[in-house]
Each structure stands twice: as C-alpha cells, then as structure tokens.
C-alpha atoms as a PDB file:
ATOM      1  CA  MET A   1      -0.002  -0.002   0.003  1.00  0.00           C
ATOM      2  CA  SER A   2       1.320   3.444  -0.897  1.00  0.00           C
ATOM      3  CA  ARG A   3       2.235   5.825   1.897  1.00  0.00           C
ATOM      4  CA  ILE A   4       1.965   9.603   1.660  1.00  0.00           C
ATOM      5  CA  ILE A   5       4.689  11.625   3.383  1.00  0.00           C
ATOM      6  CA  THR A   6       3.869  15.204   4.330  1.00  0.00           C
ATOM      7  CA  TYR A   7       5.795  17.680   6.460  1.00  0.00           C
ATOM      8  CA  SER A   8       5.365  20.916   8.358  1.00  0.00           C
ATOM      9  CA  THR A   9       7.411  22.950  10.825  1.00  0.00           C
ATOM     10  CA  ALA A  10       6.687  23.729  14.465  1.00  0.00           C
ATOM     11  CA  ASP A  11       8.173  24.478  17.851  1.00  0.00           C
ATOM     12  CA  ARG A  12       8.592  21.067  19.477  1.00  0.00           C
ATOM     13  CA  ALA A  13       7.944  22.554  22.922  1.00  0.00           C
ATOM     14  CA  ASP A  14       4.566  23.912  21.771  1.00  0.00           C
ATOM     15  CA  VAL A  15       3.507  20.395  20.799  1.00  0.00           C
ATOM     16  CA  VAL A  16       4.760  18.788  24.005  1.00  0.00           C
ATOM     17  CA  ALA A  17       2.996  21.466  26.094  1.00  0.00           C
ATOM     18  CA  PHE A  18      -0.396  19.981  25.199  1.00  0.00           C
ATOM     19  CA  LEU A  19       0.396  16.501  26.488  1.00  0.00           C
ATOM     20  CA  GLY A  20      -0.941  16.078  30.005  1.00  0.00           C
ATOM     21  CA  ALA A  21      -2.112  19.696  30.102  1.00  0.00           C
ATOM     22  CA  ALA A  22      -5.892  19.151  30.343  1.00  0.00           C
ATOM     23  CA  GLY A  23      -7.459  21.709  32.671  1.00  0.00           C
ATOM     24  CA  ARG A  24      -4.587  24.202  32.504  1.00  0.00           C
ATOM     25  CA  LEU A  25      -4.491  25.203  28.855  1.00  0.00           C
ATOM     26  CA  THR A  26      -4.104  28.838  27.863  1.00  0.00           C
ATOM     27  CA  PRO A  27      -6.884  30.531  25.862  1.00  0.00           C
ATOM     28  CA  ASP A  28      -4.766  30.191  22.702  1.00  0.00           C
ATOM     29  CA  GLN A  29      -4.168  26.492  23.381  1.00  0.00           C
ATOM     30  CA  ARG A  30      -7.872  25.947  23.947  1.00  0.00           C
ATOM     31  CA  ARG A  31      -8.665  27.537  20.574  1.00  0.00           C
ATOM     32  CA  ARG A  32      -6.155  25.235  18.904  1.00  0.00           C
ATOM     33  CA  LEU A  33      -7.582  22.279  20.794  1.00  0.00           C
ATOM     34  CA  ASP A  34     -11.131  23.046  19.676  1.00  0.00           C
ATOM     35  CA  ARG A  35      -9.971  22.730  16.073  1.00  0.00           C
ATOM     36  CA  ALA A  36      -8.100  19.514  16.892  1.00  0.00           C
ATOM     37  CA  HIS A  37     -11.250  18.030  18.410  1.00  0.00           C
ATOM     38  CA  GLU A  38     -13.219  18.975  15.309  1.00  0.00           C
ATOM     39  CA  LYS A  39     -10.647  17.297  13.072  1.00  0.00           C
ATOM     40  CA  ALA A  40     -10.581  14.247  15.360  1.00  0.00           C
ATOM     41  CA  ARG A  41     -14.328  13.803  14.928  1.00  0.00           C
ATOM     42  CA  GLN A  42     -13.965  14.124  11.156  1.00  0.00           C
ATOM     43  CA  ARG A  43     -11.148  11.570  11.027  1.00  0.00           C
ATOM     44  CA  GLN A  44     -13.146   9.167  13.165  1.00  0.00           C
ATOM     45  CA  ALA A  45     -16.173   9.566  10.903  1.00  0.00           C
ATOM     46  CA  ASP A  46     -13.952   8.590   7.953  1.00  0.00           C
ATOM     47  CA  LEU A  47     -12.783   5.468   9.816  1.00  0.00           C
ATOM     48  CA  ASP A  48     -16.344   4.576  10.769  1.00  0.00           C
ATOM     49  CA  HIS A  49     -17.419   4.954   7.140  1.00  0.00           C
ATOM     50  CA  GLN A  50     -14.650   2.518   6.156  1.00  0.00           C
ATOM     51  CA  GLU A  51     -15.772   0.193   8.984  1.00  0.00           C
ATOM     52  CA  LEU A  52     -12.297   0.341  10.550  1.00  0.00           C
ATOM     53  CA  ASP A  53     -12.256  -0.227  14.306  1.00  0.00           C
ATOM     54  CA  TRP A  54      -8.983   0.678  16.024  1.00  0.00           C
ATOM     55  CA  GLY A  55     -10.282  -0.294  19.441  1.00  0.00           C
ATOM     56  CA  LEU A  56     -10.090   3.345  20.511  1.00  0.00           C
ATOM     57  CA  SER A  57     -11.619   6.348  18.795  1.00  0.00           C
ATOM     58  CA  ILE A  58      -9.422   9.272  17.774  1.00  0.00           C
ATOM     59  CA  PRO A  59     -11.404  11.763  19.939  1.00  0.00           C
ATOM     60  CA  GLU A  60     -10.942   9.423  22.926  1.00  0.00           C
ATOM     61  CA  ALA A  61      -7.236   9.108  22.163  1.00  0.00           C
ATOM     62  CA  LEU A  62      -6.921  12.893  21.993  1.00  0.00           C
ATOM     63  CA  ASP A  63      -8.600  13.286  25.387  1.00  0.00           C
ATOM     64  CA  GLN A  64      -6.285  10.696  26.907  1.00  0.00           C
ATOM     65  CA  LEU A  65      -3.169  12.435  25.575  1.00  0.00           C
ATOM     66  CA  LEU A  66      -4.380  15.692  27.057  1.00  0.00           C
ATOM     67  CA  ALA A  67      -5.016  13.911  30.361  1.00  0.00           C
ATOM     68  CA  GLY A  68      -1.459  12.584  30.378  1.00  0.00           C
ATOM     69  CA  HIS A  69      -1.756   8.891  29.567  1.00  0.00           C
ATOM     70  CA  ALA A  70      -1.952   6.503  26.619  1.00  0.00           C
ATOM     71  CA  ASP A  71      -2.775   3.153  28.162  1.00  0.00           C
ATOM     72  CA  SER A  72      -5.703   1.780  26.162  1.00  0.00           C
ATOM     73  CA  GLU A  73      -5.562  -1.923  25.376  1.00  0.00           C
ATOM     74  CA  GLY A  74      -7.554  -1.478  22.175  1.00  0.00           C
ATOM     75  CA  SER A  75      -6.451  -3.646  19.260  1.00  0.00           C
ATOM     76  CA  TYR A  76      -5.042  -0.720  17.286  1.00  0.00           C
ATOM     77  CA  ALA A  77      -5.046   1.992  19.913  1.00  0.00           C
ATOM     78  CA  ALA A  78      -1.496   3.003  19.004  1.00  0.00           C
ATOM     79  CA  GLY A  79      -2.755   4.177  15.607  1.00  0.00           C
ATOM     80  CA  ALA A  80      -5.445   6.273  17.286  1.00  0.00           C
ATOM     81  CA  TYR A  81      -2.895   7.867  19.618  1.00  0.00           C
ATOM     82  CA  TYR A  82      -0.555   8.766  16.752  1.00  0.00           C
ATOM     83  CA  ALA A  83      -3.459  10.141  14.704  1.00  0.00           C
ATOM     84  CA  ALA A  84      -4.510  12.270  17.682  1.00  0.00           C
ATOM     85  CA  LEU A  85      -0.961  13.451  18.285  1.00  0.00           C
ATOM     86  CA  GLN A  86      -0.650  14.414  14.626  1.00  0.00           C
ATOM     87  CA  LEU A  87      -3.717  16.637  15.067  1.00  0.00           C
ATOM     88  CA  ILE A  88      -1.961  18.410  17.946  1.00  0.00           C
ATOM     89  CA  ILE A  89       1.125  18.864  15.783  1.00  0.00           C
ATOM     90  CA  ASP A  90      -1.016  20.200  12.924  1.00  0.00           C
ATOM     91  CA  ARG A  91      -2.622  22.811  15.140  1.00  0.00           C
ATOM     92  CA  ASN A  92       0.808  24.144  16.127  1.00  0.00           C
ATOM     93  CA  ALA A  93       2.585  23.851  12.777  1.00  0.00           C
ATOM     94  CA  SER A  94       2.849  25.514   9.417  1.00  0.00           C
ATOM     95  CA  ASP A  95       0.631  24.404   6.560  1.00  0.00           C
ATOM     96  CA  PRO A  96       1.665  20.904   5.452  1.00  0.00           C
ATOM     97  CA  SER A  97       3.504  20.189   2.209  1.00  0.00           C
ATOM     98  CA  GLU A  98       3.810  16.842   0.442  1.00  0.00           C
ATOM     99  CA  LEU A  99       7.216  15.231   0.097  1.00  0.00           C
ATOM    100  CA  GLY A 100       6.008  12.315  -1.991  1.00  0.00           C
ATOM    101  CA  VAL A 101       4.213   8.977  -2.212  1.00  0.00           C
ATOM    102  CA  TYR A 102       6.204   5.789  -1.556  1.00  0.00           C
ATOM    103  CA  SER A 103       5.116   2.153  -1.660  1.00  0.00           C
ATOM    104  CA  ARG A 104       7.628   1.132   1.052  1.00  0.00           C
ATOM    105  CA  PRO A 105       9.180   4.272   2.561  1.00  0.00           C
ATOM    106  CA  GLY A 106      11.003   2.422   5.323  1.00  0.00           C
ATOM    107  CA  THR A 107      12.797   0.165   2.858  1.00  0.00           C
ATOM    108  CA  PHE A 108      13.453   2.933   0.353  1.00  0.00           C
ATOM    109  CA  PHE A 109      14.927   5.476   2.746  1.00  0.00           C
ATOM    110  CA  SER A 110      16.945   2.831   4.580  1.00  0.00           C
ATOM    111  CA  GLY A 111      18.542   1.877   1.272  1.00  0.00           C
ATOM    112  CA  LEU A 112      19.050   5.525   0.345  1.00  0.00           C
ATOM    113  CA  ASP A 113      20.787   6.165   3.659  1.00  0.00           C
ATOM    114  CA  GLU A 114      23.176   3.322   2.947  1.00  0.00           C
ATOM    115  CA  GLU A 115      24.122   4.823  -0.406  1.00  0.00           C
ATOM    116  CA  LEU A 116      24.604   8.284   1.105  1.00  0.00           C
ATOM    117  CA  ARG A 117      26.638   6.782   3.938  1.00  0.00           C
ATOM    118  CA  LYS A 118      28.974   5.136   1.433  1.00  0.00           C
ATOM    119  CA  LEU A 119      29.539   8.552  -0.158  1.00  0.00           C
ATOM    120  CA  GLY A 120      30.517  10.116   3.162  1.00  0.00           C
ATOM    121  CA  VAL A 121      27.313  11.813   4.354  1.00  0.00           C
ATOM    122  CA  SER A 122      27.511  11.990   8.142  1.00  0.00           C
ATOM    123  CA  GLU A 123      25.210   9.815  10.230  1.00  0.00           C
ATOM    124  CA  GLU A 124      23.260  12.656  11.858  1.00  0.00           C
ATOM    125  CA  LEU A 125      22.228  13.986   8.434  1.00  0.00           C
ATOM    126  CA  LEU A 126      20.838  10.707   7.088  1.00  0.00           C
ATOM    127  CA  PHE A 127      17.080  10.679   6.678  1.00  0.00           C
ATOM    128  CA  HIS A 128      15.505   7.328   7.569  1.00  0.00           C
ATOM    129  CA  ASP A 129      15.875   7.415  11.345  1.00  0.00           C
ATOM    130  CA  HIS A 130      14.550  10.979  11.492  1.00  0.00           C
ATOM    131  CA  LEU A 131      11.582  10.064   9.300  1.00  0.00           C
ATOM    132  CA  PHE A 132      10.623   7.216  11.656  1.00  0.00           C
ATOM    133  CA  SER A 133      11.856   8.771  14.907  1.00  0.00           C
ATOM    134  CA  GLY A 134       8.450   8.861  16.571  1.00  0.00           C
ATOM    135  CA  PRO A 135       7.145  11.738  18.698  1.00  0.00           C
ATOM    136  CA  PRO A 136       9.264  14.075  20.844  1.00  0.00           C
ATOM    137  CA  PRO A 137      11.018  12.190  23.661  1.00  0.00           C
ATOM    138  CA  GLU A 138      10.146  15.062  26.023  1.00  0.00           C
ATOM    139  CA  ILE A 139       6.546  13.812  26.204  1.00  0.00           C
ATOM    140  CA  PRO A 140       6.193  12.842  29.893  1.00  0.00           C
ATOM    141  CA  PHE A 141       4.550   9.458  29.299  1.00  0.00           C
ATOM    142  CA  ARG A 142       4.888   6.595  26.856  1.00  0.00           C
ATOM    143  CA  ILE A 143       2.805   6.542  23.680  1.00  0.00           C
ATOM    144  CA  PRO A 144       2.699   3.076  22.051  1.00  0.00           C
ATOM    145  CA  HIS A 145       4.212   2.819  18.578  1.00  0.00           C
ATOM    146  CA  PRO A 146       1.875   1.696  15.761  1.00  0.00           C
ATOM    147  CA  VAL A 147       3.573  -1.008  13.704  1.00  0.00           C
ATOM    148  CA  ASP A 148       1.556  -0.316  10.552  1.00  0.00           C
ATOM    149  CA  GLY A 149       1.264   3.452  10.901  1.00  0.00           C
ATOM    150  CA  PRO A 150       0.406   6.229  10.925  1.00  0.00           C
ATOM    151  CA  HIS A 151       3.977   7.289  11.704  1.00  0.00           C
ATOM    152  CA  ILE A 152       5.517  10.527  12.944  1.00  0.00           C
ATOM    153  CA  GLY A 153       9.055  11.745  12.370  1.00  0.00           C
ATOM    154  CA  MET A 154      11.193  14.772  13.195  1.00  0.00           C
ATOM    155  CA  PHE A 155      14.232  16.528  11.728  1.00  0.00           C
ATOM    156  CA  PRO A 156      15.941  19.503  13.437  1.00  0.00           C
ATOM    157  CA  LEU A 157      15.576  22.689  11.403  1.00  0.00           C
ATOM    158  CA  ALA A 158      19.130  23.653  12.381  1.00  0.00           C
ATOM    159  CA  GLN A 159      20.371  20.597  10.461  1.00  0.00           C
ATOM    160  CA  ALA A 160      18.287  21.213   7.325  1.00  0.00           C
ATOM    161  CA  GLY A 161      20.894  23.442   5.674  1.00  0.00           C
ATOM    162  CA  PRO A 162      23.807  21.100   6.391  1.00  0.00           C
ATOM    163  CA  ALA A 163      21.743  18.133   5.138  1.00  0.00           C
ATOM    164  CA  ALA A 164      20.908  19.910   1.878  1.00  0.00           C
ATOM    165  CA  ALA A 165      24.575  20.808   1.332  1.00  0.00           C
ATOM    166  CA  ALA A 166      25.770  17.278   2.098  1.00  0.00           C
ATOM    167  CA  TYR A 167      23.227  15.681  -0.230  1.00  0.00           C
ATOM    168  CA  ARG A 168      23.941  18.141  -3.041  1.00  0.00           C
ATOM    169  CA  ALA A 169      27.678  17.493  -2.727  1.00  0.00           C
ATOM    170  CA  VAL A 170      27.231  13.802  -3.565  1.00  0.00           C
ATOM    171  CA  LEU A 171      24.273  14.059  -5.950  1.00  0.00           C
ATOM    172  CA  ASP A 172      26.325  13.493  -9.100  1.00  0.00           C
ATOM    173  CA  ARG A 173      27.833  10.323  -7.655  1.00  0.00           C
ATOM    174  CA  LEU A 174      24.520   8.733  -6.703  1.00  0.00           C
ATOM    175  CA  ASP A 175      22.832   6.094  -8.807  1.00  0.00           C
ATOM    176  CA  GLN A 176      20.678   7.787 -11.446  1.00  0.00           C
ATOM    177  CA  GLY A 177      17.573   6.102 -10.062  1.00  0.00           C
ATOM    178  CA  LEU A 178      17.978   7.814  -6.698  1.00  0.00           C
ATOM    179  CA  ARG A 179      18.710  11.334  -7.835  1.00  0.00           C
ATOM    180  CA  TYR A 180      15.120  12.527  -8.254  1.00  0.00           C
ATOM    181  CA  ASP A 181      14.176  11.565  -4.704  1.00  0.00           C
ATOM    182  CA  VAL A 182      17.361  13.049  -3.262  1.00  0.00           C
ATOM    183  CA  MET A 183      16.711  16.251  -5.179  1.00  0.00           C
ATOM    184  CA  GLU A 184      13.258  16.416  -3.598  1.00  0.00           C
ATOM    185  CA  LEU A 185      14.880  16.130  -0.170  1.00  0.00           C
ATOM    186  CA  ILE A 186      17.401  18.827  -1.082  1.00  0.00           C
ATOM    187  CA  LYS A 187      14.649  21.208  -2.213  1.00  0.00           C
ATOM    188  CA  MET A 188      12.693  20.607   0.982  1.00  0.00           C
ATOM    189  CA  PHE A 189      15.712  21.117   3.225  1.00  0.00           C
ATOM    190  CA  GLU A 190      16.913  24.226   1.385  1.00  0.00           C
ATOM    191  CA  SER A 191      13.478  25.860   1.431  1.00  0.00           C
ATOM    192  CA  GLU A 192      12.867  25.147   5.114  1.00  0.00           C
ATOM    193  CA  SER A 193      16.402  26.178   6.060  1.00  0.00           C
ATOM    194  CA  GLU A 194      16.117  29.515   4.240  1.00  0.00           C
ATOM    195  CA  HIS A 195      12.817  30.282   5.959  1.00  0.00           C
ATOM    196  CA  TRP A 196      14.160  29.220   9.358  1.00  0.00           C
ATOM    197  CA  GLU A 197      17.331  31.310   9.023  1.00  0.00           C
ATOM    198  CA  TYR A 198      15.383  34.403   7.980  1.00  0.00           C
ATOM    199  CA  ALA A 199      12.736  33.991  10.683  1.00  0.00           C
ATOM    200  CA  THR A 200      15.174  33.372  13.538  1.00  0.00           C
ATOM    201  CA  GLU A 201      17.102  36.498  12.559  1.00  0.00           C
ATOM    202  CA  HIS A 202      14.217  38.882  11.903  1.00  0.00           C
ATOM    203  CA  LEU A 203      11.155  37.686  13.868  1.00  0.00           C
ATOM    204  CA  ASP A 204      11.289  37.998  17.659  1.00  0.00           C
ATOM    205  CA  TRP A 205       8.260  35.736  18.134  1.00  0.00           C
ATOM    206  CA  TYR A 206       9.508  32.898  15.942  1.00  0.00           C
ATOM    207  CA  SER A 207      10.541  29.723  17.772  1.00  0.00           C
ATOM    208  CA  GLN A 208      10.032  26.833  15.336  1.00  0.00           C
ATOM    209  CA  ASP A 209      12.846  24.311  15.572  1.00  0.00           C
ATOM    210  CA  THR A 210      11.605  21.056  14.011  1.00  0.00           C
ATOM    211  CA  ILE A 211      10.395  19.627  10.711  1.00  0.00           C
ATOM    212  CA  PHE A 212       7.621  17.173  11.574  1.00  0.00           C
ATOM    213  CA  PHE A 213       6.823  14.346   9.163  1.00  0.00           C
ATOM    214  CA  SER A 214       3.564  12.437   8.847  1.00  0.00           C
ATOM    215  CA  ILE A 215       3.405   9.080   7.067  1.00  0.00           C
ATOM    216  CA  VAL A 216      -0.074   7.761   6.331  1.00  0.00           C
ATOM    217  CA  GLY A 217      -1.445   5.215   3.920  1.00  0.00           C
END
C-alpha cells in the first residue's frame, strides 16, 4: 500500500505542552484544541465509514493524551494515539507540504541512507531514522508505537541546511535512479532552512525548531 509523506514545521515545545495539560491550557491552546477536536471527529467519521475499528476512537485518544496517559488496550489503539498526536502537531505547525508517495518508505529510505553513507554523508544527516523517529522524547509518558502506521518523524531545522549541502555534494555520484528523490529532499531542506534562518534572525516571536513528518497510507 502506498504511503503519503507530508511535512510541516513547528516548535517542538509547543507540541509537548499539550500533552498532560488538560485543565490548565491557555486561551490560545484551547482555541487550537477546539480545532483539533473537530478534526478528530472528522477523522473518526472517515474510519467509521470505512468500517475500521482501532479499538479506541481518535477523539478518545486525543482526550487521553491531554489527560497525560496513553494506556488503552484497544487492538489498534497506538494508531489512534498517533493520529490524535498528529492533530496536535497540525494545530501548532505551518501548513503541510507533500514530500512524496512511496510504496515502502522504510525500505526505500533505509537503502538511500546506505548509499549516502557510502559517499561520506555523516550519520546525523541521514534521513531514515529521522523520518521514523516517533514523537518528541520530552513527552512525559509513553505513547505506544503503531507497527503499521500512521507514523511521525522529526528533523531539526538547524540541520536542514547542512543536510541539503551534504546531499547536493554527492548528488552526481549517486545512482541515477535515486537522484530525483534526493533532489526532492534537497529542495525541501533548502526551502525550510532559508525560511528558518530568515525567521530566527528577523522575527522575535519565531521559535520553530523542528520539521515534523507524517506518514499515512
């Protein structure tokens, strides 16, 4: 089954601040949460229409994350928790952009990393482990990992520029069949790095530090 990879940028601390914060949200957080609840109901309606039962509804998963726990024993509760967490990310992030559609993104980007590694790209700039990193480790409780997705990944904005430069430096030595996808990564990293560098220098209120990835299929 094909998987769609999208990305957006946010302040990781803004996302983490919602987890376990029920009852002490700021007015701005409550406004964002109202929209997240609306989206959660819409997503659940889509699942219900497809007759997909995750053992925990997305609105219920969202409420549990806000309450500070993720301990449902539902058959696919991990998927509901990640879907709910993605809604929190979305409410704190820039508008999403699409990176691409991949039939087996884990296999593809693992293989791509190996080729980039052989050409001397440093380990911290390789893509696969960031793409499948999971949610921020600062979340104060464990969220179970869904084996079949949806998945969440993160890449530090401060490393986007160095990653683009490292990938571009080896582009001509990569197998021809990999160059298009690497070029897409380069364009993403360069665009996000340019915006981040400008915003951190000129906007006092700007605090985004992370590219968040969503993998759904």
